[in-house]
C-alpha atoms as a PDB file:
ATOM      1  CA  MET A   1       1.792  28.983 -15.617  1.00  0.00           C
ATOM      2  CA  TRP A   2       0.931  25.841 -13.654  1.00  0.00           C
ATOM      3  CA  ASN A   3      -2.192  23.733 -13.806  1.00  0.00           C
ATOM      4  CA  HIS A   4      -3.620  21.367 -11.200  1.00  0.00           C
ATOM      5  CA  TRP A   5      -1.627  18.427 -12.614  1.00  0.00           C
ATOM      6  CA  ASN A   6       1.645  20.103 -11.579  1.00  0.00           C
ATOM      7  CA  THR A   7       2.902  20.256 -15.147  1.00  0.00           C
ATOM      8  CA  GLU A   8       3.752  23.401 -16.946  1.00  0.00           C
ATOM      9  CA  LEU A   9       1.108  24.279 -19.524  1.00  0.00           C
ATOM     10  CA  THR A  10       3.688  25.809 -21.819  1.00  0.00           C
ATOM     11  CA  GLU A  11       5.630  22.528 -22.025  1.00  0.00           C
ATOM     12  CA  HIS A  12       2.831  20.511 -23.634  1.00  0.00           C
ATOM     13  CA  LYS A  13      -0.050  21.206 -25.912  1.00  0.00           C
ATOM     14  CA  TRP A  14      -3.085  19.245 -24.810  1.00  0.00           C
ATOM     15  CA  LEU A  15      -5.845  18.210 -27.169  1.00  0.00           C
ATOM     16  CA  LYS A  16      -9.344  17.060 -26.355  1.00  0.00           C
ATOM     17  CA  VAL A  17      -9.558  13.486 -27.544  1.00  0.00           C
ATOM     18  CA  TYR A  18     -12.928  12.376 -26.145  1.00  0.00           C
ATOM     19  CA  ALA A  19     -16.111  13.658 -24.532  1.00  0.00           C
ATOM     20  CA  ALA A  20     -17.365  11.030 -22.093  1.00  0.00           C
ATOM     21  CA  ARG A  21     -20.995  10.058 -21.535  1.00  0.00           C
ATOM     22  CA  ASP A  22     -20.448  10.239 -17.784  1.00  0.00           C
ATOM     23  CA  ILE A  23     -17.716  10.455 -15.155  1.00  0.00           C
ATOM     24  CA  LEU A  24     -17.429   6.668 -14.809  1.00  0.00           C
ATOM     25  CA  GLU A  25     -16.722   6.238 -18.508  1.00  0.00           C
ATOM     26  CA  ALA A  26     -14.222   9.104 -18.352  1.00  0.00           C
ATOM     27  CA  HIS A  27     -12.243   7.485 -15.525  1.00  0.00           C
ATOM     28  CA  ASN A  28     -12.408   4.072 -17.191  1.00  0.00           C
ATOM     29  CA  LEU A  29     -10.998   5.441 -20.440  1.00  0.00           C
ATOM     30  CA  LYS A  30      -8.363   7.492 -18.639  1.00  0.00           C
ATOM     31  CA  GLY A  31      -7.223   4.318 -16.877  1.00  0.00           C
ATOM     32  CA  MET A  32      -7.119   2.452 -20.179  1.00  0.00           C
ATOM     33  CA  LEU A  33      -4.912   5.140 -21.729  1.00  0.00           C
ATOM     34  CA  LEU A  34      -2.640   5.313 -18.682  1.00  0.00           C
ATOM     35  CA  ALA A  35      -2.199   1.517 -18.853  1.00  0.00           C
ATOM     36  CA  MET A  36      -1.063   1.984 -22.463  1.00  0.00           C
ATOM     37  CA  GLY A  37       1.530   4.532 -21.347  1.00  0.00           C
ATOM     38  CA  ILE A  38      -0.459   7.519 -22.612  1.00  0.00           C
ATOM     39  CA  GLU A  39      -0.672  10.393 -20.146  1.00  0.00           C
ATOM     40  CA  ALA A  40      -4.269  11.584 -19.964  1.00  0.00           C
ATOM     41  CA  HIS A  41      -6.136  14.187 -17.949  1.00  0.00           C
ATOM     42  CA  LEU A  42      -9.798  14.846 -17.296  1.00  0.00           C
ATOM     43  CA  LYS A  43     -11.388  18.255 -17.477  1.00  0.00           C
ATOM     44  CA  GLY A  44     -14.802  19.138 -16.153  1.00  0.00           C
ATOM     45  CA  GLU A  45     -15.179  16.412 -13.559  1.00  0.00           C
ATOM     46  CA  GLY A  46     -15.616  19.002 -10.812  1.00  0.00           C
ATOM     47  CA  LEU A  47     -18.708  20.368 -12.528  1.00  0.00           C
ATOM     48  CA  VAL A  48     -20.552  17.040 -12.715  1.00  0.00           C
ATOM     49  CA  ALA A  49     -22.359  17.923  -9.487  1.00  0.00           C
ATOM     50  CA  GLY A  50     -24.016  20.742 -11.404  1.00  0.00           C
ATOM     51  CA  SER A  51     -25.731  18.358 -13.827  1.00  0.00           C
ATOM     52  CA  GLY A  52     -29.339  19.371 -14.231  1.00  0.00           C
ATOM     53  CA  GLU A  53     -28.631  22.899 -13.027  1.00  0.00           C
ATOM     54  CA  LEU A  54     -25.981  23.907 -15.559  1.00  0.00           C
ATOM     55  CA  PRO A  55     -26.171  23.530 -19.340  1.00  0.00           C
ATOM     56  CA  PRO A  56     -25.038  20.030 -20.464  1.00  0.00           C
ATOM     57  CA  ALA A  57     -22.023  21.430 -22.317  1.00  0.00           C
ATOM     58  CA  GLU A  58     -20.789  22.950 -19.049  1.00  0.00           C
ATOM     59  CA  THR A  59     -20.871  19.647 -17.141  1.00  0.00           C
ATOM     60  CA  GLU A  60     -19.277  17.533 -19.873  1.00  0.00           C
ATOM     61  CA  VAL A  61     -16.243  15.518 -18.754  1.00  0.00           C
ATOM     62  CA  THR A  62     -13.567  15.486 -21.434  1.00  0.00           C
ATOM     63  CA  LEU A  63     -10.383  13.484 -21.841  1.00  0.00           C
ATOM     64  CA  TRP A  64      -7.227  15.325 -22.893  1.00  0.00           C
ATOM     65  CA  VAL A  65      -3.874  14.007 -24.130  1.00  0.00           C
ATOM     66  CA  SER A  66      -0.672  15.591 -25.398  1.00  0.00           C
ATOM     67  CA  VAL A  67      -0.307  16.382 -29.083  1.00  0.00           C
ATOM     68  CA  ASP A  68       2.233  13.559 -29.429  1.00  0.00           C
ATOM     69  CA  ASP A  69      -0.194  11.005 -27.974  1.00  0.00           C
ATOM     70  CA  PHE A  70      -3.294  12.166 -29.824  1.00  0.00           C
ATOM     71  CA  THR A  71      -3.203   9.616 -32.670  1.00  0.00           C
ATOM     72  CA  PRO A  72      -2.559   6.494 -30.552  1.00  0.00           C
ATOM     73  CA  ALA A  73      -5.124   7.681 -27.991  1.00  0.00           C
ATOM     74  CA  ARG A  74      -7.736   8.316 -30.681  1.00  0.00           C
ATOM     75  CA  ASN A  75      -7.079   4.862 -32.186  1.00  0.00           C
ATOM     76  CA  ALA A  76      -7.492   3.207 -28.787  1.00  0.00           C
ATOM     77  CA  LEU A  77     -10.726   5.099 -28.146  1.00  0.00           C
ATOM     78  CA  GLU A  78     -12.091   4.185 -31.581  1.00  0.00           C
ATOM     79  CA  ASN A  79     -11.447   0.514 -30.780  1.00  0.00           C
ATOM     80  CA  PHE A  80     -13.264   1.015 -27.472  1.00  0.00           C
ATOM     81  CA  GLU A  81     -16.274   2.435 -29.314  1.00  0.00           C
ATOM     82  CA  ALA A  82     -16.305  -0.286 -31.995  1.00  0.00           C
ATOM     83  CA  PRO A  83     -19.122  -2.820 -31.805  1.00  0.00           C
ATOM     84  CA  LEU A  84     -18.125  -6.021 -30.039  1.00  0.00           C
ATOM     85  CA  GLY A  85     -19.458  -8.339 -32.702  1.00  0.00           C
ATOM     86  CA  LYS A  86     -22.503 -10.489 -33.131  1.00  0.00           C
ATOM     87  CA  PRO A  87     -24.432 -12.406 -30.495  1.00  0.00           C
ATOM     88  CA  TRP A  88     -23.650 -16.120 -30.423  1.00  0.00           C
ATOM     89  CA  ARG A  89     -25.616 -19.300 -29.707  1.00  0.00           C
ATOM     90  CA  CYS A  90     -24.295 -21.805 -27.168  1.00  0.00           C
ATOM     91  CA  ASN A  91     -23.389 -25.205 -28.661  1.00  0.00           C
ATOM     92  CA  VAL A  92     -24.438 -26.981 -25.460  1.00  0.00           C
ATOM     93  CA  CYS A  93     -27.780 -25.448 -24.435  1.00  0.00           C
ATOM     94  CA  ALA A  94     -28.633 -23.392 -27.562  1.00  0.00           C
ATOM     95  CA  GLU A  95     -29.167 -20.171 -25.566  1.00  0.00           C
ATOM     96  CA  GLN A  96     -28.494 -16.832 -27.268  1.00  0.00           C
ATOM     97  CA  ASN A  97     -25.621 -14.834 -25.707  1.00  0.00           C
ATOM     98  CA  GLU A  98     -24.443 -11.269 -26.226  1.00  0.00           C
ATOM     99  CA  ALA A  99     -21.165 -10.762 -28.080  1.00  0.00           C
ATOM    100  CA  SER A 100     -19.482  -9.509 -24.901  1.00  0.00           C
ATOM    101  CA  PHE A 101     -20.123 -12.804 -23.074  1.00  0.00           C
ATOM    102  CA  GLU A 102     -17.193 -15.220 -22.999  1.00  0.00           C
ATOM    103  CA  PHE A 103     -19.321 -17.890 -21.335  1.00  0.00           C
ATOM    104  CA  CYS A 104     -22.931 -18.864 -21.824  1.00  0.00           C
ATOM    105  CA  TRP A 105     -25.110 -17.074 -19.285  1.00  0.00           C
ATOM    106  CA  ASN A 106     -27.264 -20.207 -18.918  1.00  0.00           C
ATOM    107  CA  CYS A 107     -24.837 -23.148 -18.685  1.00  0.00           C
ATOM    108  CA  GLN A 108     -21.447 -21.382 -18.320  1.00  0.00           C
ATOM    109  CA  HIS A 109     -20.011 -23.242 -21.332  1.00  0.00           C
ATOM    110  CA  SER A 110     -17.286 -21.220 -23.047  1.00  0.00           C
ATOM    111  CA  ALA A 111     -17.879 -19.593 -26.395  1.00  0.00           C
END
């Protein structure tokens, strides 16, 4: 039996590793896993157009990996979901910056 990824379904067991909030997050995370050398596939992206008409569970985009890659993929996704840290105050202009900012939004001084 063949799937739309041109791989034989009987060769690999695929496990759902993540349910994305939206299709953009799904593609972003798939790209992250692929960059790590983890083969990943999305399921449900074709049904996103039915959002609002179909039940939410039917339009969910999920990320799937092989059994062998499940643990490293799950670890990578847990790191993605982890909080970035605490906001920081710029030493130059004293403005508050979000943890994700590498430079002050006000004066562009580095953290």
